[in-house]
Structure formats: C-alpha cells, structure tokens
All heavy atoms as atom14 arrays in JSON, in Angstrom:
{
  "sequence": "QRLWLRWYDGEGNWIPTPEESVDKERMAKESAMQRVE",
  "atom14_mask": [
    [1, 1, 1, 1, 1, 1, 1, 1, 1, 0, 0, 0, 0, 0],
    [1, 1, 1, 1, 1, 1, 1, 1, 1, 1, 1, 0, 0, 0],
    [1, 1, 1, 1, 1, 1, 1, 1, 0, 0, 0, 0, 0, 0],
    [1, 1, 1, 1, 1, 1, 1, 1, 1, 1, 1, 1, 1, 1],
    [1, 1, 1, 1, 1, 1, 1, 1, 0, 0, 0, 0, 0, 0],
    [1, 1, 1, 1, 1, 1, 1, 1, 1, 1, 1, 0, 0, 0],
    [1, 1, 1, 1, 1, 1, 1, 1, 1, 1, 1, 1, 1, 1],
    [1, 1, 1, 1, 1, 1, 1, 1, 1, 1, 1, 1, 0, 0],
    [1, 1, 1, 1, 1, 1, 1, 1, 0, 0, 0, 0, 0, 0],
    [1, 1, 1, 1, 0, 0, 0, 0, 0, 0, 0, 0, 0, 0],
    [1, 1, 1, 1, 1, 1, 1, 1, 1, 0, 0, 0, 0, 0],
    [1, 1, 1, 1, 0, 0, 0, 0, 0, 0, 0, 0, 0, 0],
    [1, 1, 1, 1, 1, 1, 1, 1, 0, 0, 0, 0, 0, 0],
    [1, 1, 1, 1, 1, 1, 1, 1, 1, 1, 1, 1, 1, 1],
    [1, 1, 1, 1, 1, 1, 1, 1, 0, 0, 0, 0, 0, 0],
    [1, 1, 1, 1, 1, 1, 1, 0, 0, 0, 0, 0, 0, 0],
    [1, 1, 1, 1, 1, 1, 1, 0, 0, 0, 0, 0, 0, 0],
    [1, 1, 1, 1, 1, 1, 1, 0, 0, 0, 0, 0, 0, 0],
    [1, 1, 1, 1, 1, 1, 1, 1, 1, 0, 0, 0, 0, 0],
    [1, 1, 1, 1, 1, 1, 1, 1, 1, 0, 0, 0, 0, 0],
    [1, 1, 1, 1, 1, 1, 0, 0, 0, 0, 0, 0, 0, 0],
    [1, 1, 1, 1, 1, 1, 1, 0, 0, 0, 0, 0, 0, 0],
    [1, 1, 1, 1, 1, 1, 1, 1, 0, 0, 0, 0, 0, 0],
    [1, 1, 1, 1, 1, 1, 1, 1, 1, 0, 0, 0, 0, 0],
    [1, 1, 1, 1, 1, 1, 1, 1, 1, 0, 0, 0, 0, 0],
    [1, 1, 1, 1, 1, 1, 1, 1, 1, 1, 1, 0, 0, 0],
    [1, 1, 1, 1, 1, 1, 1, 1, 0, 0, 0, 0, 0, 0],
    [1, 1, 1, 1, 1, 0, 0, 0, 0, 0, 0, 0, 0, 0],
    [1, 1, 1, 1, 1, 1, 1, 1, 1, 0, 0, 0, 0, 0],
    [1, 1, 1, 1, 1, 1, 1, 1, 1, 0, 0, 0, 0, 0],
    [1, 1, 1, 1, 1, 1, 0, 0, 0, 0, 0, 0, 0, 0],
    [1, 1, 1, 1, 1, 0, 0, 0, 0, 0, 0, 0, 0, 0],
    [1, 1, 1, 1, 1, 1, 1, 1, 0, 0, 0, 0, 0, 0],
    [1, 1, 1, 1, 1, 1, 1, 1, 1, 0, 0, 0, 0, 0],
    [1, 1, 1, 1, 1, 1, 1, 1, 1, 1, 1, 0, 0, 0],
    [1, 1, 1, 1, 1, 1, 1, 0, 0, 0, 0, 0, 0, 0],
    [1, 1, 1, 1, 1, 1, 1, 1, 1, 0, 0, 0, 0, 0]
  ],
  "atom14_positions": [
    [[0.84, -1.19, 0.0], [0.0, 0.0, 0.0], [0.88, 1.25, 0.0], [1.73, 1.43, 0.85], [-0.93, 0.04, 1.21], [-1.9, 1.22, 1.16], [-2.81, 1.29, 2.37], [-2.39, 0.93, 3.47], [-4.03, 1.75, 2.19], [0.0, 0.0, 0.0], [0.0, 0.0, 0.0], [0.0, 0.0, 0.0], [0.0, 0.0, 0.0], [0.0, 0.0, 0.0]],
    [[0.62, 2.12, -0.97], [1.33, 3.39, -1.06], [0.66, 4.2, -2.17], [-0.35, 3.78, -2.75], [2.82, 3.2, -1.37], [3.12, 2.45, -2.67], [4.53, 2.74, -3.19], [4.62, 4.14, -3.58], [5.43, 5.03, -3.0], [6.2, 4.68, -2.01], [5.45, 6.29, -3.4], [0.0, 0.0, 0.0], [0.0, 0.0, 0.0], [0.0, 0.0, 0.0]],
    [[1.21, 5.37, -2.46], [0.74, 6.14, -3.61], [1.4, 5.6, -4.87], [2.63, 5.49, -4.95], [1.07, 7.62, -3.45], [0.15, 8.44, -2.55], [0.73, 9.83, -2.33], [-1.24, 8.56, -3.17], [0.0, 0.0, 0.0], [0.0, 0.0, 0.0], [0.0, 0.0, 0.0], [0.0, 0.0, 0.0], [0.0, 0.0, 0.0], [0.0, 0.0, 0.0]],
    [[0.55, 5.25, -5.84], [1.03, 4.73, -7.12], [0.56, 5.66, -8.24], [-0.53, 6.23, -8.18], [0.49, 3.33, -7.39], [0.87, 2.29, -6.4], [0.12, 1.83, -5.35], [2.1, 1.54, -6.36], [0.79, 0.86, -4.66], [2.01, 0.65, -5.25], [3.24, 1.53, -7.15], [3.03, -0.23, -4.93], [4.27, 0.64, -6.82], [4.16, -0.22, -5.73]],
    [[1.37, 5.77, -9.25], [1.0, 6.5, -10.45], [0.26, 5.54, -11.37], [0.74, 4.44, -11.66], [2.28, 7.0, -11.14], [2.19, 8.2, -12.1], [1.61, 9.41, -11.4], [3.58, 8.5, -12.65], [0.0, 0.0, 0.0], [0.0, 0.0, 0.0], [0.0, 0.0, 0.0], [0.0, 0.0, 0.0], [0.0, 0.0, 0.0], [0.0, 0.0, 0.0]],
    [[-0.98, 5.94, -11.81], [-1.74, 5.07, -12.7], [-2.7, 5.91, -13.54], [-2.86, 7.11, -13.32], [-2.49, 3.99, -11.91], [-3.61, 4.52, -11.02], [-4.23, 3.39, -10.19], [-4.93, 2.42, -11.02], [-5.47, 1.29, -10.54], [-5.36, 1.0, -9.25], [-6.1, 0.46, -11.33], [0.0, 0.0, 0.0], [0.0, 0.0, 0.0], [0.0, 0.0, 0.0]],
    [[-3.36, 5.28, -14.49], [-4.21, 5.98, -15.45], [-5.67, 5.96, -15.01], [-6.11, 5.03, -14.33], [-4.1, 5.32, -16.83], [-2.72, 5.35, -17.4], [-1.73, 4.42, -17.24], [-2.15, 6.38, -18.24], [-0.6, 4.8, -17.92], [-0.82, 5.98, -18.54], [-2.64, 7.58, -18.76], [0.01, 6.76, -19.34], [-1.8, 8.34, -19.56], [-0.5, 7.93, -19.84]],
    [[-6.42, 6.99, -15.42], [-7.86, 7.05, -15.13], [-8.62, 7.46, -16.39], [-8.06, 8.02, -17.34], [-8.16, 8.0, -13.97], [-7.82, 9.46, -14.22], [-8.78, 10.34, -14.73], [-6.56, 9.98, -13.93], [-8.48, 11.69, -14.94], [-6.26, 11.32, -14.13], [-7.22, 12.17, -14.65], [-6.93, 13.49, -14.86], [0.0, 0.0, 0.0], [0.0, 0.0, 0.0]],
    [[-9.94, 7.17, -16.39], [-10.75, 7.41, -17.58], [-11.46, 8.76, -17.52], [-11.27, 9.55, -16.58], [-11.76, 6.27, -17.8], [-12.78, 6.15, -16.67], [-12.99, 7.14, -15.92], [-13.39, 5.07, -16.54], [0.0, 0.0, 0.0], [0.0, 0.0, 0.0], [0.0, 0.0, 0.0], [0.0, 0.0, 0.0], [0.0, 0.0, 0.0], [0.0, 0.0, 0.0]],
    [[-12.31, 9.02, -18.53], [-12.98, 10.3, -18.65], [-13.96, 10.6, -17.53], [-14.34, 11.76, -17.33], [0.0, 0.0, 0.0], [0.0, 0.0, 0.0], [0.0, 0.0, 0.0], [0.0, 0.0, 0.0], [0.0, 0.0, 0.0], [0.0, 0.0, 0.0], [0.0, 0.0, 0.0], [0.0, 0.0, 0.0], [0.0, 0.0, 0.0], [0.0, 0.0, 0.0]],
    [[-14.39, 9.57, -16.81], [-15.31, 9.77, -15.69], [-14.57, 9.86, -14.36], [-15.19, 9.92, -13.3], [-16.33, 8.62, -15.66], [-17.23, 8.58, -16.9], [-18.21, 7.44, -16.85], [-18.09, 6.59, -15.93], [-19.09, 7.38, -17.72], [0.0, 0.0, 0.0], [0.0, 0.0, 0.0], [0.0, 0.0, 0.0], [0.0, 0.0, 0.0], [0.0, 0.0, 0.0]],
    [[-13.24, 9.86, -14.45], [-12.44, 9.97, -13.23], [-12.18, 8.66, -12.52], [-11.62, 8.66, -11.42], [0.0, 0.0, 0.0], [0.0, 0.0, 0.0], [0.0, 0.0, 0.0], [0.0, 0.0, 0.0], [0.0, 0.0, 0.0], [0.0, 0.0, 0.0], [0.0, 0.0, 0.0], [0.0, 0.0, 0.0], [0.0, 0.0, 0.0], [0.0, 0.0, 0.0]],
    [[-12.59, 7.54, -13.15], [-12.4, 6.23, -12.53], [-11.02, 5.67, -12.89], [-10.57, 5.78, -14.04], [-13.48, 5.25, -13.01], [-14.88, 5.73, -12.66], [-15.13, 6.16, -11.53], [-15.79, 5.66, -13.61], [0.0, 0.0, 0.0], [0.0, 0.0, 0.0], [0.0, 0.0, 0.0], [0.0, 0.0, 0.0], [0.0, 0.0, 0.0], [0.0, 0.0, 0.0]],
    [[-10.38, 5.05, -11.92], [-9.08, 4.42, -12.19], [-9.25, 3.23, -13.11], [-10.14, 2.41, -12.91], [-8.43, 3.98, -10.88], [-8.19, 5.1, -9.91], [-8.86, 5.33, -8.74], [-7.24, 6.17, -10.04], [-8.38, 6.47, -8.14], [-7.38, 7.0, -8.91], [-6.28, 6.49, -11.0], [-6.6, 8.13, -8.71], [-5.49, 7.62, -10.81], [-5.66, 8.43, -9.67]],
    [[-8.41, 3.14, -14.12], [-8.45, 1.99, -15.03], [-8.01, 0.76, -14.24], [-6.93, 0.77, -13.64], [-7.53, 2.2, -16.24], [-7.87, 3.5, -16.97], [-7.61, 1.0, -17.18], [-9.23, 3.54, -17.6], [0.0, 0.0, 0.0], [0.0, 0.0, 0.0], [0.0, 0.0, 0.0], [0.0, 0.0, 0.0], [0.0, 0.0, 0.0], [0.0, 0.0, 0.0]],
    [[-8.8, -0.31, -14.22], [-8.42, -1.48, -13.42], [-7.28, -2.26, -14.06], [-7.13, -2.31, -15.28], [-9.71, -2.32, -13.39], [-10.43, -1.94, -14.64], [-10.12, -0.48, -14.87], [0.0, 0.0, 0.0], [0.0, 0.0, 0.0], [0.0, 0.0, 0.0], [0.0, 0.0, 0.0], [0.0, 0.0, 0.0], [0.0, 0.0, 0.0], [0.0, 0.0, 0.0]],
    [[-6.47, -2.87, -13.2], [-5.46, -3.8, -13.69], [-6.17, -5.11, -14.07], [-7.33, -5.33, -13.67], [-4.42, -4.11, -12.59], [-5.08, -4.8, -11.51], [-3.79, -2.81, -12.08], [0.0, 0.0, 0.0], [0.0, 0.0, 0.0], [0.0, 0.0, 0.0], [0.0, 0.0, 0.0], [0.0, 0.0, 0.0], [0.0, 0.0, 0.0], [0.0, 0.0, 0.0]],
    [[-5.52, -6.0, -14.82], [-6.16, -7.29, -15.14], [-6.6, -8.05, -13.88], [-7.67, -8.65, -13.86], [-5.07, -8.03, -15.91], [-4.26, -6.95, -16.55], [-4.25, -5.83, -15.55], [0.0, 0.0, 0.0], [0.0, 0.0, 0.0], [0.0, 0.0, 0.0], [0.0, 0.0, 0.0], [0.0, 0.0, 0.0], [0.0, 0.0, 0.0], [0.0, 0.0, 0.0]],
    [[-5.76, -8.01, -12.84], [-6.12, -8.71, -11.6], [-7.34, -8.09, -10.95], [-8.24, -8.81, -10.47], [-4.94, -8.68, -10.62], [-5.2, -9.44, -9.34], [-4.0, -9.45, -8.4], [-2.95, -8.88, -8.77], [-4.12, -10.02, -7.3], [0.0, 0.0, 0.0], [0.0, 0.0, 0.0], [0.0, 0.0, 0.0], [0.0, 0.0, 0.0], [0.0, 0.0, 0.0]],
    [[-7.42, -6.76, -10.96], [-8.59, -6.08, -10.39], [-9.84, -6.4, -11.18], [-10.93, -6.56, -10.62], [-8.35, -4.57, -10.35], [-7.33, -4.14, -9.31], [-6.91, -2.69, -9.45], [-7.12, -2.1, -10.54], [-6.37, -2.13, -8.48], [0.0, 0.0, 0.0], [0.0, 0.0, 0.0], [0.0, 0.0, 0.0], [0.0, 0.0, 0.0], [0.0, 0.0, 0.0]],
    [[-9.71, -6.51, -12.5], [-10.86, -6.84, -13.35], [-11.39, -8.23, -13.04], [-12.6, -8.46, -12.97], [-10.47, -6.74, -14.83], [-10.16, -5.42, -15.19], [0.0, 0.0, 0.0], [0.0, 0.0, 0.0], [0.0, 0.0, 0.0], [0.0, 0.0, 0.0], [0.0, 0.0, 0.0], [0.0, 0.0, 0.0], [0.0, 0.0, 0.0], [0.0, 0.0, 0.0]],
    [[-10.47, -9.18, -12.84], [-10.87, -10.55, -12.49], [-11.57, -10.57, -11.14], [-12.61, -11.22, -10.97], [-9.64, -11.48, -12.49], [-10.0, -12.84, -11.88], [-9.09, -11.65, -13.9], [0.0, 0.0, 0.0], [0.0, 0.0, 0.0], [0.0, 0.0, 0.0], [0.0, 0.0, 0.0], [0.0, 0.0, 0.0], [0.0, 0.0, 0.0], [0.0, 0.0, 0.0]],
    [[-11.0, -9.85, -10.16], [-11.61, -9.8, -8.83], [-13.0, -9.17, -8.88], [-13.94, -9.65, -8.22], [-10.73, -9.0, -7.87], [-9.46, -9.75, -7.48], [-9.42, -10.97, -7.69], [-8.52, -9.1, -6.98], [0.0, 0.0, 0.0], [0.0, 0.0, 0.0], [0.0, 0.0, 0.0], [0.0, 0.0, 0.0], [0.0, 0.0, 0.0], [0.0, 0.0, 0.0]],
    [[-13.14, -8.11, -9.69], [-14.43, -7.44, -9.81], [-15.47, -8.37, -10.45], [-16.62, -8.43, -10.01], [-14.28, -6.17, -10.64], [-15.53, -5.34, -10.74], [-15.28, -4.05, -11.53], [-16.54, -3.21, -11.62], [-16.3, -1.96, -12.4], [0.0, 0.0, 0.0], [0.0, 0.0, 0.0], [0.0, 0.0, 0.0], [0.0, 0.0, 0.0], [0.0, 0.0, 0.0]],
    [[-15.04, -9.11, -11.46], [-15.96, -10.04, -12.13], [-16.36, -11.17, -11.18], [-17.52, -11.57, -11.13], [-15.28, -10.61, -13.38], [-16.18, -11.54, -14.19], [-15.5, -12.04, -15.45], [-14.4, -11.54, -15.78], [-16.05, -12.95, -16.08], [0.0, 0.0, 0.0], [0.0, 0.0, 0.0], [0.0, 0.0, 0.0], [0.0, 0.0, 0.0], [0.0, 0.0, 0.0]],
    [[-15.38, -11.66, -10.4], [-15.68, -12.72, -9.44], [-16.66, -12.25, -8.38], [-17.63, -12.95, -8.04], [-14.38, -13.19, -8.78], [-14.59, -14.24, -7.67], [-13.27, -14.63, -7.02], [-12.55, -13.48, -6.52], [-12.85, -12.87, -5.37], [-13.87, -13.29, -4.62], [-12.13, -11.83, -4.96], [0.0, 0.0, 0.0], [0.0, 0.0, 0.0], [0.0, 0.0, 0.0]],
    [[-16.45, -11.03, -7.87], [-17.35, -10.49, -6.85], [-18.74, -10.27, -7.42], [-19.75, -10.5, -6.73], [-16.78, -9.19, -6.3], [-15.52, -9.37, -5.48], [-14.78, -7.81, -4.93], [-16.07, -7.2, -3.85], [0.0, 0.0, 0.0], [0.0, 0.0, 0.0], [0.0, 0.0, 0.0], [0.0, 0.0, 0.0], [0.0, 0.0, 0.0], [0.0, 0.0, 0.0]],
    [[-18.82, -9.85, -8.68], [-20.13, -9.64, -9.31], [-20.88, -10.98, -9.44], [-22.1, -11.05, -9.2], [-19.95, -8.99, -10.67], [0.0, 0.0, 0.0], [0.0, 0.0, 0.0], [0.0, 0.0, 0.0], [0.0, 0.0, 0.0], [0.0, 0.0, 0.0], [0.0, 0.0, 0.0], [0.0, 0.0, 0.0], [0.0, 0.0, 0.0], [0.0, 0.0, 0.0]],
    [[-20.15, -12.04, -9.81], [-20.77, -13.36, -9.94], [-21.25, -13.86, -8.58], [-22.35, -14.42, -8.46], [-19.78, -14.35, -10.55], [-19.53, -14.14, -12.03], [-18.56, -15.18, -12.58], [-18.33, -14.99, -14.07], [-17.36, -15.99, -14.61], [0.0, 0.0, 0.0], [0.0, 0.0, 0.0], [0.0, 0.0, 0.0], [0.0, 0.0, 0.0], [0.0, 0.0, 0.0]],
    [[-20.4, -13.69, -7.55], [-20.77, -14.13, -6.21], [-21.99, -13.37, -5.71], [-22.88, -13.94, -5.07], [-19.6, -13.94, -5.25], [-18.44, -14.89, -5.51], [-17.26, -14.61, -4.59], [-17.32, -13.6, -3.85], [-16.3, -15.4, -4.61], [0.0, 0.0, 0.0], [0.0, 0.0, 0.0], [0.0, 0.0, 0.0], [0.0, 0.0, 0.0], [0.0, 0.0, 0.0]],
    [[-22.04, -12.07, -6.01], [-23.18, -11.25, -5.6], [-24.44, -11.7, -6.31], [-25.53, -11.78, -5.7], [-22.89, -9.78, -5.89], [-23.98, -8.97, -5.52], [0.0, 0.0, 0.0], [0.0, 0.0, 0.0], [0.0, 0.0, 0.0], [0.0, 0.0, 0.0], [0.0, 0.0, 0.0], [0.0, 0.0, 0.0], [0.0, 0.0, 0.0], [0.0, 0.0, 0.0]],
    [[-24.32, -12.02, -7.61], [-25.49, -12.48, -8.37], [-25.98, -13.82, -7.84], [-27.2, -14.04, -7.71], [-25.12, -12.6, -9.85], [0.0, 0.0, 0.0], [0.0, 0.0, 0.0], [0.0, 0.0, 0.0], [0.0, 0.0, 0.0], [0.0, 0.0, 0.0], [0.0, 0.0, 0.0], [0.0, 0.0, 0.0], [0.0, 0.0, 0.0], [0.0, 0.0, 0.0]],
    [[-25.05, -14.72, -7.52], [-25.43, -16.02, -6.96], [-26.1, -15.86, -5.61], [-27.07, -16.57, -5.29], [-24.2, -16.91, -6.84], [-23.61, -17.35, -8.18], [-22.05, -18.27, -7.99], [-22.61, -19.7, -7.07], [0.0, 0.0, 0.0], [0.0, 0.0, 0.0], [0.0, 0.0, 0.0], [0.0, 0.0, 0.0], [0.0, 0.0, 0.0], [0.0, 0.0, 0.0]],
    [[-25.62, -14.92, -4.81], [-26.23, -14.67, -3.5], [-27.65, -14.15, -3.65], [-28.55, -14.56, -2.9], [-25.37, -13.68, -2.72], [-25.89, -13.43, -1.3], [-24.98, -12.51, -0.51], [-23.91, -12.15, -0.97], [-25.44, -12.14, 0.68], [0.0, 0.0, 0.0], [0.0, 0.0, 0.0], [0.0, 0.0, 0.0], [0.0, 0.0, 0.0], [0.0, 0.0, 0.0]],
    [[-27.85, -13.27, -4.64], [-29.22, -12.74, -4.87], [-30.16, -13.86, -5.3], [-31.32, -13.91, -4.86], [-29.17, -11.65, -5.94], [-28.6, -10.33, -5.45], [-28.95, -9.19, -6.39], [-28.44, -9.43, -7.73], [-27.23, -9.05, -8.15], [-26.41, -8.45, -7.31], [-26.85, -9.29, -9.39], [0.0, 0.0, 0.0], [0.0, 0.0, 0.0], [0.0, 0.0, 0.0]],
    [[-29.68, -14.76, -6.17], [-30.5, -15.89, -6.63], [-30.88, -16.77, -5.44], [-32.03, -17.21, -5.31], [-29.75, -16.71, -7.69], [-30.5, -18.02, -7.98], [-29.61, -15.9, -8.97], [0.0, 0.0, 0.0], [0.0, 0.0, 0.0], [0.0, 0.0, 0.0], [0.0, 0.0, 0.0], [0.0, 0.0, 0.0], [0.0, 0.0, 0.0], [0.0, 0.0, 0.0]],
    [[-29.9, -17.03, -4.56], [-30.17, -17.86, -3.39], [-31.16, -17.18, -2.45], [-32.06, -17.85, -1.9], [-28.85, -18.15, -2.66], [-28.98, -19.0, -1.41], [-29.46, -20.41, -1.69], [-29.48, -20.82, -2.88], [-29.82, -21.1, -0.73], [0.0, 0.0, 0.0], [0.0, 0.0, 0.0], [0.0, 0.0, 0.0], [0.0, 0.0, 0.0], [0.0, 0.0, 0.0]]
  ]
}
C-alpha cells in the first residue's frame, strides 16, 4: 500500500489492472449467486 502512479478514464475512474478486473468479475458473480439464493 502506497501512492502509485496510474491511469484514469474520462469519468475519473481508475483503469483497473487485469487482476482487479478478475476480482471485480468474481465479486459480481458471487453477488449475483447470493441474490438468486
């Protein structure tokens, strides 16, 4: 954990790394499965 230099998009959101994208997709799937249950 520290300050890192990275890129952001036109809406001010940080561009995710590939690992962050995978984690986000996994959390979205888990959340969807929880809603179904």
